[in-house]
Amino acid sequence: MNVVKRLEGSELFVEIEGNIDTVTAPDLNASLNESINGVTSIFFDFKKVDYISSAGLRVLLVAVKAMPKDGKVVIRNANNNVMDIFTMTGFVNILTIEN
């Protein structure tokens, strides 16, 4: 998995390439923890993500909980496989998803 982050003011843009699973989720979590102070919104680009496991979903949930009350976590460009996982797990009701 490859993660590229860009901070613009209080918005964090995160581009991910590869699978987010039990092996890679801890690295993503650590990478987010390095950059999350003062962030009010996180925008994830999932264009190059083929799969997300429950460990990856947990990282997203932690990110949601870390945002201030008026903050947001947005997923962009998720493919059909990832969207199916978000739908089956109910994450479509937790995350803002833009395709």
N, C-alpha and C. Protein backbone atom coordinates (compact mmCIF):
# COMPACT_ATOMS: atom_id res chain seq x y z
N MET A 1 0.85 -1.17 0.00
CA MET A 1 0.00 0.00 0.00
C MET A 1 0.89 1.23 0.00
N ASN A 2 0.50 2.21 -0.76
CA ASN A 2 1.21 3.48 -0.83
C ASN A 2 0.23 4.59 -0.42
N VAL A 3 0.68 5.50 0.43
CA VAL A 3 -0.16 6.60 0.92
C VAL A 3 0.54 7.92 0.63
N VAL A 4 -0.17 8.82 -0.03
CA VAL A 4 0.33 10.17 -0.29
C VAL A 4 -0.62 11.14 0.39
N LYS A 5 -0.07 11.99 1.28
CA LYS A 5 -0.90 12.94 2.02
C LYS A 5 -0.55 14.36 1.61
N ARG A 6 -1.56 15.21 1.61
CA ARG A 6 -1.37 16.63 1.33
C ARG A 6 -2.26 17.41 2.29
N LEU A 7 -1.66 18.31 3.04
CA LEU A 7 -2.40 19.13 4.00
C LEU A 7 -2.61 20.52 3.41
N GLU A 8 -3.88 20.93 3.34
CA GLU A 8 -4.23 22.28 2.87
C GLU A 8 -5.05 22.93 3.96
N GLY A 9 -4.42 23.77 4.74
CA GLY A 9 -5.09 24.40 5.88
C GLY A 9 -5.49 23.33 6.88
N SER A 10 -6.79 23.21 7.12
CA SER A 10 -7.27 22.20 8.07
C SER A 10 -7.86 20.98 7.36
N GLU A 11 -7.61 20.87 6.05
CA GLU A 11 -8.10 19.74 5.27
C GLU A 11 -6.94 18.84 4.88
N LEU A 12 -7.12 17.54 5.13
CA LEU A 12 -6.11 16.55 4.79
C LEU A 12 -6.61 15.72 3.61
N PHE A 13 -5.82 15.66 2.56
CA PHE A 13 -6.13 14.87 1.38
C PHE A 13 -5.22 13.66 1.37
N VAL A 14 -5.82 12.47 1.28
CA VAL A 14 -5.08 11.22 1.39
C VAL A 14 -5.38 10.37 0.17
N GLU A 15 -4.35 10.11 -0.64
CA GLU A 15 -4.48 9.24 -1.80
C GLU A 15 -3.86 7.90 -1.45
N ILE A 16 -4.63 6.84 -1.63
CA ILE A 16 -4.18 5.50 -1.25
C ILE A 16 -4.12 4.62 -2.49
N GLU A 17 -3.06 3.83 -2.58
CA GLU A 17 -2.92 2.87 -3.66
C GLU A 17 -2.66 1.50 -3.06
N GLY A 18 -3.49 0.53 -3.41
CA GLY A 18 -3.33 -0.83 -2.91
C GLY A 18 -4.47 -1.22 -2.00
N ASN A 19 -4.35 -2.41 -1.43
CA ASN A 19 -5.38 -2.92 -0.53
C ASN A 19 -5.19 -2.37 0.87
N ILE A 20 -6.31 -2.16 1.57
CA ILE A 20 -6.28 -1.76 2.97
C ILE A 20 -6.79 -2.97 3.75
N ASP A 21 -5.87 -3.70 4.36
CA ASP A 21 -6.22 -4.95 5.03
C ASP A 21 -5.49 -5.05 6.37
N THR A 22 -5.49 -6.23 6.96
CA THR A 22 -4.89 -6.39 8.29
C THR A 22 -3.39 -6.12 8.28
N VAL A 23 -2.74 -6.28 7.15
CA VAL A 23 -1.30 -6.03 7.06
C VAL A 23 -1.03 -4.53 6.90
N THR A 24 -1.83 -3.84 6.09
CA THR A 24 -1.53 -2.44 5.76
C THR A 24 -2.29 -1.42 6.62
N ALA A 25 -3.39 -1.82 7.23
CA ALA A 25 -4.20 -0.87 8.02
C ALA A 25 -3.41 -0.21 9.16
N PRO A 26 -2.55 -0.94 9.89
CA PRO A 26 -1.79 -0.26 10.94
C PRO A 26 -0.89 0.86 10.40
N ASP A 27 -0.32 0.65 9.21
CA ASP A 27 0.51 1.70 8.60
C ASP A 27 -0.33 2.92 8.23
N LEU A 28 -1.52 2.68 7.68
CA LEU A 28 -2.41 3.79 7.35
C LEU A 28 -2.81 4.54 8.61
N ASN A 29 -3.14 3.81 9.66
CA ASN A 29 -3.52 4.44 10.92
C ASN A 29 -2.39 5.30 11.47
N ALA A 30 -1.17 4.77 11.44
CA ALA A 30 0.00 5.53 11.93
C ALA A 30 0.23 6.76 11.07
N SER A 31 0.07 6.63 9.77
CA SER A 31 0.26 7.76 8.87
C SER A 31 -0.77 8.85 9.13
N LEU A 32 -2.01 8.46 9.38
CA LEU A 32 -3.05 9.45 9.69
C LEU A 32 -2.78 10.12 11.02
N ASN A 33 -2.35 9.34 12.02
CA ASN A 33 -2.08 9.91 13.34
C ASN A 33 -0.99 10.97 13.30
N GLU A 34 -0.05 10.84 12.36
CA GLU A 34 1.02 11.83 12.21
C GLU A 34 0.48 13.18 11.73
N SER A 35 -0.64 13.17 11.03
CA SER A 35 -1.11 14.37 10.33
C SER A 35 -2.45 14.90 10.81
N ILE A 36 -3.05 14.31 11.81
CA ILE A 36 -4.45 14.60 12.11
C ILE A 36 -4.65 15.82 13.03
N ASN A 37 -3.62 16.25 13.74
CA ASN A 37 -3.77 17.39 14.65
C ASN A 37 -4.18 18.64 13.89
N GLY A 38 -5.28 19.25 14.30
CA GLY A 38 -5.78 20.46 13.68
C GLY A 38 -6.59 20.25 12.42
N VAL A 39 -6.74 19.00 12.00
CA VAL A 39 -7.49 18.69 10.78
C VAL A 39 -8.98 18.63 11.10
N THR A 40 -9.78 19.27 10.25
CA THR A 40 -11.23 19.24 10.44
C THR A 40 -11.93 18.40 9.38
N SER A 41 -11.24 18.09 8.29
CA SER A 41 -11.82 17.27 7.23
C SER A 41 -10.73 16.42 6.60
N ILE A 42 -11.10 15.17 6.30
CA ILE A 42 -10.19 14.27 5.60
C ILE A 42 -10.89 13.81 4.33
N PHE A 43 -10.18 13.91 3.22
CA PHE A 43 -10.68 13.47 1.93
C PHE A 43 -9.80 12.33 1.44
N PHE A 44 -10.37 11.13 1.39
CA PHE A 44 -9.64 9.95 0.92
C PHE A 44 -9.94 9.73 -0.55
N ASP A 45 -8.90 9.57 -1.36
CA ASP A 45 -9.07 9.20 -2.76
C ASP A 45 -8.83 7.69 -2.86
N PHE A 46 -9.90 6.95 -3.14
CA PHE A 46 -9.84 5.48 -3.23
C PHE A 46 -9.76 4.99 -4.67
N LYS A 47 -9.38 5.86 -5.60
CA LYS A 47 -9.34 5.48 -7.01
C LYS A 47 -8.48 4.23 -7.23
N LYS A 48 -7.42 4.07 -6.45
CA LYS A 48 -6.50 2.95 -6.65
C LYS A 48 -6.58 1.92 -5.52
N VAL A 49 -7.71 1.89 -4.81
CA VAL A 49 -7.94 0.91 -3.75
C VAL A 49 -8.87 -0.17 -4.30
N ASP A 50 -8.40 -1.43 -4.27
CA ASP A 50 -9.20 -2.53 -4.79
C ASP A 50 -10.00 -3.24 -3.71
N TYR A 51 -9.54 -3.14 -2.46
CA TYR A 51 -10.16 -3.91 -1.38
C TYR A 51 -9.92 -3.22 -0.05
N ILE A 52 -10.92 -3.28 0.84
CA ILE A 52 -10.76 -2.80 2.21
C ILE A 52 -11.35 -3.85 3.15
N SER A 53 -10.58 -4.25 4.14
CA SER A 53 -11.03 -5.26 5.11
C SER A 53 -11.62 -4.56 6.34
N SER A 54 -12.05 -5.38 7.30
CA SER A 54 -12.59 -4.82 8.54
C SER A 54 -11.53 -4.00 9.27
N ALA A 55 -10.27 -4.37 9.15
CA ALA A 55 -9.20 -3.58 9.78
C ALA A 55 -9.11 -2.20 9.14
N GLY A 56 -9.28 -2.13 7.83
CA GLY A 56 -9.29 -0.84 7.14
C GLY A 56 -10.50 -0.01 7.50
N LEU A 57 -11.65 -0.67 7.61
CA LEU A 57 -12.87 0.03 8.02
C LEU A 57 -12.70 0.63 9.41
N ARG A 58 -12.02 -0.10 10.29
CA ARG A 58 -11.76 0.39 11.65
C ARG A 58 -10.92 1.67 11.61
N VAL A 59 -9.94 1.73 10.71
CA VAL A 59 -9.12 2.94 10.56
C VAL A 59 -9.99 4.12 10.15
N LEU A 60 -10.91 3.88 9.22
CA LEU A 60 -11.82 4.95 8.79
C LEU A 60 -12.73 5.39 9.93
N LEU A 61 -13.20 4.45 10.72
CA LEU A 61 -14.06 4.77 11.86
C LEU A 61 -13.31 5.61 12.89
N VAL A 62 -12.06 5.27 13.14
CA VAL A 62 -11.23 6.05 14.07
C VAL A 62 -11.05 7.47 13.53
N ALA A 63 -10.86 7.59 12.22
CA ALA A 63 -10.72 8.92 11.61
C ALA A 63 -11.99 9.73 11.79
N VAL A 64 -13.14 9.10 11.59
CA VAL A 64 -14.42 9.79 11.78
C VAL A 64 -14.54 10.30 13.21
N LYS A 65 -14.21 9.46 14.17
CA LYS A 65 -14.33 9.83 15.58
C LYS A 65 -13.32 10.90 15.98
N ALA A 66 -12.22 11.01 15.25
CA ALA A 66 -11.20 12.02 15.56
C ALA A 66 -11.57 13.40 15.06
N MET A 67 -12.52 13.48 14.15
CA MET A 67 -12.91 14.77 13.59
C MET A 67 -13.77 15.54 14.58
N PRO A 68 -13.66 16.87 14.55
CA PRO A 68 -14.55 17.68 15.39
C PRO A 68 -16.00 17.50 14.94
N LYS A 69 -16.90 17.98 15.75
CA LYS A 69 -18.34 17.78 15.49
C LYS A 69 -18.74 18.28 14.09
N ASP A 70 -18.16 19.38 13.65
CA ASP A 70 -18.51 19.93 12.33
C ASP A 70 -17.56 19.45 11.23
N GLY A 71 -16.67 18.51 11.56
CA GLY A 71 -15.74 17.97 10.58
C GLY A 71 -16.36 16.87 9.76
N LYS A 72 -15.57 16.35 8.81
CA LYS A 72 -16.11 15.29 7.96
C LYS A 72 -14.99 14.42 7.42
N VAL A 73 -15.39 13.21 7.06
CA VAL A 73 -14.52 12.26 6.36
C VAL A 73 -15.23 11.92 5.06
N VAL A 74 -14.54 12.14 3.95
CA VAL A 74 -15.13 11.94 2.63
C VAL A 74 -14.30 10.90 1.87
N ILE A 75 -15.00 9.95 1.28
CA ILE A 75 -14.36 8.95 0.42
C ILE A 75 -14.71 9.31 -1.02
N ARG A 76 -13.69 9.39 -1.86
CA ARG A 76 -13.91 9.71 -3.27
C ARG A 76 -13.40 8.57 -4.15
N ASN A 77 -14.06 8.37 -5.26
CA ASN A 77 -13.61 7.47 -6.32
C ASN A 77 -13.54 6.00 -5.92
N ALA A 78 -14.40 5.55 -5.03
CA ALA A 78 -14.41 4.13 -4.63
C ALA A 78 -14.98 3.29 -5.77
N ASN A 79 -14.33 2.16 -6.05
CA ASN A 79 -14.83 1.27 -7.10
C ASN A 79 -16.02 0.45 -6.59
N ASN A 80 -16.61 -0.34 -7.47
CA ASN A 80 -17.80 -1.11 -7.11
C ASN A 80 -17.54 -2.12 -5.99
N ASN A 81 -16.37 -2.76 -6.00
CA ASN A 81 -16.05 -3.74 -4.95
C ASN A 81 -16.01 -3.07 -3.58
N VAL A 82 -15.34 -1.94 -3.51
CA VAL A 82 -15.25 -1.21 -2.23
C VAL A 82 -16.61 -0.67 -1.84
N MET A 83 -17.38 -0.18 -2.80
CA MET A 83 -18.73 0.31 -2.49
C MET A 83 -19.61 -0.80 -1.95
N ASP A 84 -19.46 -2.00 -2.48
CA ASP A 84 -20.22 -3.14 -1.96
C ASP A 84 -19.89 -3.40 -0.49
N ILE A 85 -18.62 -3.29 -0.15
CA ILE A 85 -18.19 -3.49 1.24
C ILE A 85 -18.77 -2.39 2.12
N PHE A 86 -18.72 -1.14 1.66
CA PHE A 86 -19.29 -0.04 2.43
C PHE A 86 -20.80 -0.24 2.63
N THR A 87 -21.47 -0.73 1.61
CA THR A 87 -22.92 -0.94 1.69
C THR A 87 -23.24 -2.08 2.65
N MET A 88 -22.56 -3.20 2.51
CA MET A 88 -22.83 -4.37 3.36
C MET A 88 -22.55 -4.10 4.83
N THR A 89 -21.58 -3.25 5.11
CA THR A 89 -21.20 -2.97 6.50
C THR A 89 -21.92 -1.78 7.10
N GLY A 90 -22.69 -1.05 6.29
CA GLY A 90 -23.39 0.13 6.78
C GLY A 90 -22.54 1.38 6.80
N PHE A 91 -21.32 1.31 6.28
CA PHE A 91 -20.45 2.48 6.27
C PHE A 91 -20.97 3.57 5.33
N VAL A 92 -21.88 3.22 4.43
CA VAL A 92 -22.49 4.25 3.57
C VAL A 92 -23.28 5.23 4.42
N ASN A 93 -23.68 4.82 5.63
CA ASN A 93 -24.43 5.70 6.52
C ASN A 93 -23.51 6.49 7.45
N ILE A 94 -22.24 6.13 7.51
CA ILE A 94 -21.29 6.78 8.41
C ILE A 94 -20.42 7.77 7.66
N LEU A 95 -20.05 7.41 6.44
CA LEU A 95 -19.12 8.21 5.64
C LEU A 95 -19.85 9.02 4.59
N THR A 96 -19.25 10.09 4.16
CA THR A 96 -19.71 10.80 2.98
C THR A 96 -18.95 10.21 1.81
N ILE A 97 -19.69 9.69 0.83
CA ILE A 97 -19.05 9.03 -0.31
C ILE A 97 -19.41 9.79 -1.57
N GLU A 98 -18.38 10.19 -2.29
CA GLU A 98 -18.53 10.91 -3.55
C GLU A 98 -17.86 10.10 -4.65
N ASN A 99 -18.64 9.76 -5.67
CA ASN A 99 -18.06 9.02 -6.79
C ASN A 99 -18.20 9.77 -8.07
